[in-house]
Amino acid sequence: MARVGGWLFKKRTSLPLPIVALLLVVSPAWSSLSLSTRGASAGVLVVVLGELLRIWGVHHIGVISRTRSDRLGPLIDTGPFSLVRNPLYLGNILLWVGLAISARLIWLAPFIVLLLGFEYHVIVRWEEQLLTRRIGPPYVDYTRRIPRWLPMLRAPKALVGAAPFSWAETFRSERGTLIAIVAGYALLALKARYWI
């Protein structure tokens, strides 16, 4: 399992490619579980929420979140990391669910949650082993205090101000995701215009 998690970690950017194919190929007209065009605009809200969660997380963790190696930064337990251990992965799931809703493919949303949830869970188990080996007791204590997937309902530690990274660094690090969101909506607009 750890070896699979390490491999998936290195490939995590390409994991959603099957979802991209479904979003671009499947017509909402082919399903009785599709939304109206107006209802699909709720997907934009879900995408915005997912990206805001990612931006908040990157503001606290920095560019180390973009690495494909097993290089580690310090233990981060501020911002969203004081509520849940994996806010960036949760943000990713929200992004993809939002795109499915925007594409009017509501039936695809649970599939995305299951697929990415499983893949990220395997990755997280690998990351946890790595962090336990390298950081030791402080990380083990963190895992006992902060849940892996379901955020705690309390005020976060260092909501905004104590993040070690500037907003400029945050947006520079997150620019790839922001570009992907814009490109995704551009492709969905082309699909809506020429496919349906």
C-alpha atoms as a PDB file:
ATOM      1  CA  MET A   1       0.000   0.000   0.000  1.00  0.00           C
ATOM      2  CA  ALA A   2       2.819   2.407   0.882  1.00  0.00           C
ATOM      3  CA  ARG A   3       4.507   1.836  -2.473  1.00  0.00           C
ATOM      4  CA  VAL A   4       1.223   2.483  -4.320  1.00  0.00           C
ATOM      5  CA  GLY A   5       0.684   5.643  -2.245  1.00  0.00           C
ATOM      6  CA  GLY A   6       4.165   6.921  -3.130  1.00  0.00           C
ATOM      7  CA  TRP A   7       3.553   6.250  -6.828  1.00  0.00           C
ATOM      8  CA  LEU A   8       0.137   7.950  -6.739  1.00  0.00           C
ATOM      9  CA  PHE A   9       1.692  10.918  -4.905  1.00  0.00           C
ATOM     10  CA  LYS A  10       4.106  11.475  -7.803  1.00  0.00           C
ATOM     11  CA  LYS A  11       1.265  11.081 -10.342  1.00  0.00           C
ATOM     12  CA  ARG A  12      -1.399  13.019  -8.423  1.00  0.00           C
ATOM     13  CA  THR A  13      -1.642  15.791 -11.015  1.00  0.00           C
ATOM     14  CA  SER A  14      -2.693  13.306 -13.698  1.00  0.00           C
ATOM     15  CA  LEU A  15      -5.064  11.276 -11.488  1.00  0.00           C
ATOM     16  CA  PRO A  16      -8.135  13.314 -12.515  1.00  0.00           C
ATOM     17  CA  LEU A  17      -7.568  12.830 -16.290  1.00  0.00           C
ATOM     18  CA  PRO A  18     -10.404  10.243 -16.547  1.00  0.00           C
ATOM     19  CA  ILE A  19     -12.675  12.822 -14.912  1.00  0.00           C
ATOM     20  CA  VAL A  20     -11.575  15.433 -17.464  1.00  0.00           C
ATOM     21  CA  ALA A  21     -12.446  13.014 -20.272  1.00  0.00           C
ATOM     22  CA  LEU A  22     -15.915  12.391 -18.836  1.00  0.00           C
ATOM     23  CA  LEU A  23     -16.553  16.100 -18.294  1.00  0.00           C
ATOM     24  CA  LEU A  24     -15.679  16.877 -21.910  1.00  0.00           C
ATOM     25  CA  VAL A  25     -17.214  13.882 -23.669  1.00  0.00           C
ATOM     26  CA  VAL A  26     -20.439  13.051 -21.832  1.00  0.00           C
ATOM     27  CA  SER A  27     -23.442  15.153 -22.734  1.00  0.00           C
ATOM     28  CA  PRO A  28     -25.897  16.044 -19.970  1.00  0.00           C
ATOM     29  CA  ALA A  29     -28.641  15.184 -22.460  1.00  0.00           C
ATOM     30  CA  TRP A  30     -27.538  11.535 -22.179  1.00  0.00           C
ATOM     31  CA  SER A  31     -28.529  11.324 -18.535  1.00  0.00           C
ATOM     32  CA  SER A  32     -31.792  11.693 -16.662  1.00  0.00           C
ATOM     33  CA  LEU A  33     -29.678  12.869 -13.692  1.00  0.00           C
ATOM     34  CA  SER A  34     -28.557  16.166 -15.213  1.00  0.00           C
ATOM     35  CA  LEU A  35     -29.145  19.710 -14.072  1.00  0.00           C
ATOM     36  CA  SER A  36     -30.609  22.663 -15.860  1.00  0.00           C
ATOM     37  CA  THR A  37     -28.173  25.289 -17.057  1.00  0.00           C
ATOM     38  CA  ARG A  38     -29.217  27.550 -14.186  1.00  0.00           C
ATOM     39  CA  GLY A  39     -28.857  24.777 -11.620  1.00  0.00           C
ATOM     40  CA  ALA A  40     -25.387  24.024 -12.944  1.00  0.00           C
ATOM     41  CA  SER A  41     -24.203  27.472 -11.859  1.00  0.00           C
ATOM     42  CA  ALA A  42     -24.118  26.068  -8.296  1.00  0.00           C
ATOM     43  CA  GLY A  43     -21.002  24.272  -9.472  1.00  0.00           C
ATOM     44  CA  VAL A  44     -19.196  27.603  -9.720  1.00  0.00           C
ATOM     45  CA  LEU A  45     -19.858  28.161  -6.019  1.00  0.00           C
ATOM     46  CA  VAL A  46     -18.443  24.716  -5.159  1.00  0.00           C
ATOM     47  CA  VAL A  47     -15.355  25.408  -7.300  1.00  0.00           C
ATOM     48  CA  VAL A  48     -14.854  28.774  -5.583  1.00  0.00           C
ATOM     49  CA  LEU A  49     -15.142  27.128  -2.149  1.00  0.00           C
ATOM     50  CA  GLY A  50     -12.629  24.450  -3.143  1.00  0.00           C
ATOM     51  CA  GLU A  51     -10.175  26.991  -4.482  1.00  0.00           C
ATOM     52  CA  LEU A  52     -10.551  29.264  -1.446  1.00  0.00           C
ATOM     53  CA  LEU A  53      -9.725  26.275   0.768  1.00  0.00           C
ATOM     54  CA  ARG A  54      -6.674  25.534  -1.381  1.00  0.00           C
ATOM     55  CA  ILE A  55      -5.504  29.163  -1.337  1.00  0.00           C
ATOM     56  CA  TRP A  56      -5.881  29.318   2.440  1.00  0.00           C
ATOM     57  CA  GLY A  57      -3.914  26.067   2.776  1.00  0.00           C
ATOM     58  CA  VAL A  58      -1.150  27.140   0.388  1.00  0.00           C
ATOM     59  CA  HIS A  59      -0.887  30.448   2.276  1.00  0.00           C
ATOM     60  CA  HIS A  60       0.069  28.391   5.336  1.00  0.00           C
ATOM     61  CA  ILE A  61       2.092  25.543   3.806  1.00  0.00           C
ATOM     62  CA  GLY A  62       3.766  27.301   0.847  1.00  0.00           C
ATOM     63  CA  VAL A  63       5.325  25.909  -2.308  1.00  0.00           C
ATOM     64  CA  ILE A  64       6.244  22.631  -0.618  1.00  0.00           C
ATOM     65  CA  SER A  65       2.673  21.608  -1.518  1.00  0.00           C
ATOM     66  CA  ARG A  66       3.736  21.505  -5.181  1.00  0.00           C
ATOM     67  CA  THR A  67       6.615  19.070  -4.749  1.00  0.00           C
ATOM     68  CA  ARG A  68       6.604  15.666  -6.436  1.00  0.00           C
ATOM     69  CA  SER A  69       9.424  14.372  -4.235  1.00  0.00           C
ATOM     70  CA  ASP A  70       9.367  13.211  -0.626  1.00  0.00           C
ATOM     71  CA  ARG A  71      10.990  16.476   0.467  1.00  0.00           C
ATOM     72  CA  LEU A  72       9.294  17.836   3.578  1.00  0.00           C
ATOM     73  CA  GLY A  73       8.805  21.232   5.102  1.00  0.00           C
ATOM     74  CA  PRO A  74       8.042  21.898   8.745  1.00  0.00           C
ATOM     75  CA  LEU A  75       4.919  20.589  10.444  1.00  0.00           C
ATOM     76  CA  ILE A  76       2.104  23.058   9.714  1.00  0.00           C
ATOM     77  CA  ASP A  77      -0.762  23.229  12.200  1.00  0.00           C
ATOM     78  CA  THR A  78      -2.179  26.680  11.470  1.00  0.00           C
ATOM     79  CA  GLY A  79      -5.013  27.865   9.229  1.00  0.00           C
ATOM     80  CA  PRO A  80      -6.956  24.990   7.691  1.00  0.00           C
ATOM     81  CA  PHE A  81      -4.295  22.551   8.942  1.00  0.00           C
ATOM     82  CA  SER A  82      -5.543  23.268  12.471  1.00  0.00           C
ATOM     83  CA  LEU A  83      -8.973  21.901  11.480  1.00  0.00           C
ATOM     84  CA  VAL A  84      -8.154  19.002   9.152  1.00  0.00           C
ATOM     85  CA  ARG A  85      -4.882  17.377   8.092  1.00  0.00           C
ATOM     86  CA  ASN A  86      -5.551  17.352   4.337  1.00  0.00           C
ATOM     87  CA  PRO A  87      -7.271  20.591   3.303  1.00  0.00           C
ATOM     88  CA  LEU A  88      -5.556  20.741  -0.098  1.00  0.00           C
ATOM     89  CA  TYR A  89      -6.879  17.323  -1.106  1.00  0.00           C
ATOM     90  CA  LEU A  90     -10.341  18.273   0.172  1.00  0.00           C
ATOM     91  CA  GLY A  91     -10.108  21.462  -1.898  1.00  0.00           C
ATOM     92  CA  ASN A  92      -9.212  19.382  -4.965  1.00  0.00           C
ATOM     93  CA  ILE A  93     -12.239  17.144  -4.478  1.00  0.00           C
ATOM     94  CA  LEU A  94     -14.483  20.211  -4.186  1.00  0.00           C
ATOM     95  CA  LEU A  95     -12.969  21.646  -7.402  1.00  0.00           C
ATOM     96  CA  TRP A  96     -13.735  18.498  -9.380  1.00  0.00           C
ATOM     97  CA  VAL A  97     -17.213  18.086  -7.900  1.00  0.00           C
ATOM     98  CA  GLY A  98     -17.921  21.729  -8.763  1.00  0.00           C
ATOM     99  CA  LEU A  99     -16.782  21.207 -12.339  1.00  0.00           C
ATOM    100  CA  ALA A 100     -19.051  18.158 -12.645  1.00  0.00           C
ATOM    101  CA  ILE A 101     -22.006  20.206 -11.366  1.00  0.00           C
ATOM    102  CA  SER A 102     -21.080  23.039 -13.742  1.00  0.00           C
ATOM    103  CA  ALA A 103     -20.987  20.517 -16.596  1.00  0.00           C
ATOM    104  CA  ARG A 104     -24.520  19.527 -15.542  1.00  0.00           C
ATOM    105  CA  LEU A 105     -23.341  15.980 -14.791  1.00  0.00           C
ATOM    106  CA  ILE A 106     -24.633  15.668 -11.230  1.00  0.00           C
ATOM    107  CA  TRP A 107     -24.331  11.866 -11.335  1.00  0.00           C
ATOM    108  CA  LEU A 108     -20.573  12.267 -11.740  1.00  0.00           C
ATOM    109  CA  ALA A 109     -20.124  14.056  -8.385  1.00  0.00           C
ATOM    110  CA  PRO A 110     -20.375  10.933  -6.146  1.00  0.00           C
ATOM    111  CA  PHE A 111     -18.086   9.048  -8.543  1.00  0.00           C
ATOM    112  CA  ILE A 112     -15.504  11.846  -8.191  1.00  0.00           C
ATOM    113  CA  VAL A 113     -15.756  11.792  -4.392  1.00  0.00           C
ATOM    114  CA  LEU A 114     -15.248   8.013  -4.344  1.00  0.00           C
ATOM    115  CA  LEU A 115     -12.448   7.905  -6.916  1.00  0.00           C
ATOM    116  CA  LEU A 116     -10.414  10.853  -5.648  1.00  0.00           C
ATOM    117  CA  GLY A 117     -11.266  10.025  -2.034  1.00  0.00           C
ATOM    118  CA  PHE A 118      -9.778   6.546  -2.474  1.00  0.00           C
ATOM    119  CA  GLU A 119      -6.716   7.784  -4.371  1.00  0.00           C
ATOM    120  CA  TYR A 120      -6.020  10.586  -1.893  1.00  0.00           C
ATOM    121  CA  HIS A 121      -6.563   8.255   1.048  1.00  0.00           C
ATOM    122  CA  VAL A 122      -3.868   5.904  -0.270  1.00  0.00           C
ATOM    123  CA  ILE A 123      -1.551   8.874  -0.855  1.00  0.00           C
ATOM    124  CA  VAL A 124      -2.233  10.247   2.631  1.00  0.00           C
ATOM    125  CA  ARG A 125      -1.430   6.899   4.266  1.00  0.00           C
ATOM    126  CA  TRP A 126       1.961   6.986   2.500  1.00  0.00           C
ATOM    127  CA  GLU A 127       2.508  10.621   3.502  1.00  0.00           C
ATOM    128  CA  GLU A 128       1.635   9.832   7.109  1.00  0.00           C
ATOM    129  CA  GLN A 129       4.243   7.062   7.260  1.00  0.00           C
ATOM    130  CA  LEU A 130       6.837   9.418   5.804  1.00  0.00           C
ATOM    131  CA  LEU A 131       5.942  12.247   8.192  1.00  0.00           C
ATOM    132  CA  THR A 132       5.937   9.925  11.205  1.00  0.00           C
ATOM    133  CA  ARG A 133       9.430   8.662  10.292  1.00  0.00           C
ATOM    134  CA  ARG A 134      10.862  12.118   9.656  1.00  0.00           C
ATOM    135  CA  ILE A 135       9.090  14.357  12.167  1.00  0.00           C
ATOM    136  CA  GLY A 136       8.316  11.764  14.836  1.00  0.00           C
ATOM    137  CA  PRO A 137       6.398  12.518  18.050  1.00  0.00           C
ATOM    138  CA  PRO A 138       5.279  16.061  17.116  1.00  0.00           C
ATOM    139  CA  TYR A 139       3.576  14.666  14.006  1.00  0.00           C
ATOM    140  CA  VAL A 140       2.071  11.707  15.886  1.00  0.00           C
ATOM    141  CA  ASP A 141       0.645  14.200  18.413  1.00  0.00           C
ATOM    142  CA  TYR A 142      -0.743  16.272  15.511  1.00  0.00           C
ATOM    143  CA  THR A 143      -2.507  13.179  14.082  1.00  0.00           C
ATOM    144  CA  ARG A 144      -4.111  12.559  17.466  1.00  0.00           C
ATOM    145  CA  ARG A 145      -5.409  16.141  17.707  1.00  0.00           C
ATOM    146  CA  ILE A 146      -6.487  16.858  14.114  1.00  0.00           C
ATOM    147  CA  PRO A 147      -8.747  14.606  11.992  1.00  0.00           C
ATOM    148  CA  ARG A 148      -7.571  13.269   8.654  1.00  0.00           C
ATOM    149  CA  TRP A 149     -10.650  14.070   6.525  1.00  0.00           C
ATOM    150  CA  LEU A 150     -13.599  15.574   8.405  1.00  0.00           C
ATOM    151  CA  PRO A 151     -12.779  19.113   9.584  1.00  0.00           C
ATOM    152  CA  MET A 152     -13.224  20.017  13.220  1.00  0.00           C
ATOM    153  CA  LEU A 153     -15.950  22.550  13.877  1.00  0.00           C
ATOM    154  CA  ARG A 154     -14.072  25.183  15.857  1.00  0.00           C
ATOM    155  CA  ALA A 155     -12.200  28.408  15.262  1.00  0.00           C
ATOM    156  CA  PRO A 156      -8.977  27.676  13.382  1.00  0.00           C
ATOM    157  CA  LYS A 157      -5.586  28.406  14.862  1.00  0.00           C
ATOM    158  CA  ALA A 158      -4.124  31.479  13.123  1.00  0.00           C
ATOM    159  CA  LEU A 159      -7.066  32.151  10.819  1.00  0.00           C
ATOM    160  CA  VAL A 160      -5.232  34.543   8.515  1.00  0.00           C
ATOM    161  CA  GLY A 161      -2.427  36.606   9.983  1.00  0.00           C
ATOM    162  CA  ALA A 162       0.193  34.111  11.175  1.00  0.00           C
ATOM    163  CA  ALA A 163       0.834  32.368   7.858  1.00  0.00           C
ATOM    164  CA  PRO A 164       4.523  32.292   6.947  1.00  0.00           C
ATOM    165  CA  PHE A 165       3.942  33.040   3.253  1.00  0.00           C
ATOM    166  CA  SER A 166       2.914  36.278   1.598  1.00  0.00           C
ATOM    167  CA  TRP A 167      -0.203  36.479  -0.526  1.00  0.00           C
ATOM    168  CA  ALA A 168       2.033  37.098  -3.565  1.00  0.00           C
ATOM    169  CA  GLU A 169       3.893  33.826  -2.887  1.00  0.00           C
ATOM    170  CA  THR A 170       0.589  32.066  -2.275  1.00  0.00           C
ATOM    171  CA  PHE A 171      -0.919  33.114  -5.604  1.00  0.00           C
ATOM    172  CA  ARG A 172       2.344  32.430  -7.445  1.00  0.00           C
ATOM    173  CA  SER A 173       2.326  28.888  -6.059  1.00  0.00           C
ATOM    174  CA  GLU A 174      -1.376  28.418  -6.817  1.00  0.00           C
ATOM    175  CA  ARG A 175      -1.299  29.888 -10.335  1.00  0.00           C
ATOM    176  CA  GLY A 176      -1.302  26.438 -11.994  1.00  0.00           C
ATOM    177  CA  THR A 177      -4.559  25.501 -10.292  1.00  0.00           C
ATOM    178  CA  LEU A 178      -6.107  28.880 -11.092  1.00  0.00           C
ATOM    179  CA  ILE A 179      -5.116  28.514 -14.763  1.00  0.00           C
ATOM    180  CA  ALA A 180      -6.547  24.977 -14.805  1.00  0.00           C
ATOM    181  CA  ILE A 181      -9.869  26.250 -13.428  1.00  0.00           C
ATOM    182  CA  VAL A 182     -10.102  28.954 -16.107  1.00  0.00           C
ATOM    183  CA  ALA A 183      -9.135  26.434 -18.818  1.00  0.00           C
ATOM    184  CA  GLY A 184     -11.693  23.957 -17.470  1.00  0.00           C
ATOM    185  CA  TYR A 185     -14.504  26.482 -17.686  1.00  0.00           C
ATOM    186  CA  ALA A 186     -13.347  27.571 -21.151  1.00  0.00           C
ATOM    187  CA  LEU A 187     -13.510  23.944 -22.326  1.00  0.00           C
ATOM    188  CA  LEU A 188     -16.936  23.474 -20.723  1.00  0.00           C
ATOM    189  CA  ALA A 189     -18.146  26.619 -22.512  1.00  0.00           C
ATOM    190  CA  LEU A 190     -16.872  25.265 -25.843  1.00  0.00           C
ATOM    191  CA  LYS A 191     -18.524  21.924 -25.126  1.00  0.00           C
ATOM    192  CA  ALA A 192     -21.834  23.639 -24.332  1.00  0.00           C
ATOM    193  CA  ARG A 193     -21.655  25.699 -27.493  1.00  0.00           C
ATOM    194  CA  TYR A 194     -20.674  23.008 -29.977  1.00  0.00           C
ATOM    195  CA  TRP A 195     -21.617  19.675 -28.401  1.00  0.00           C
ATOM    196  CA  ILE A 196     -25.053  20.163 -26.902  1.00  0.00           C
END
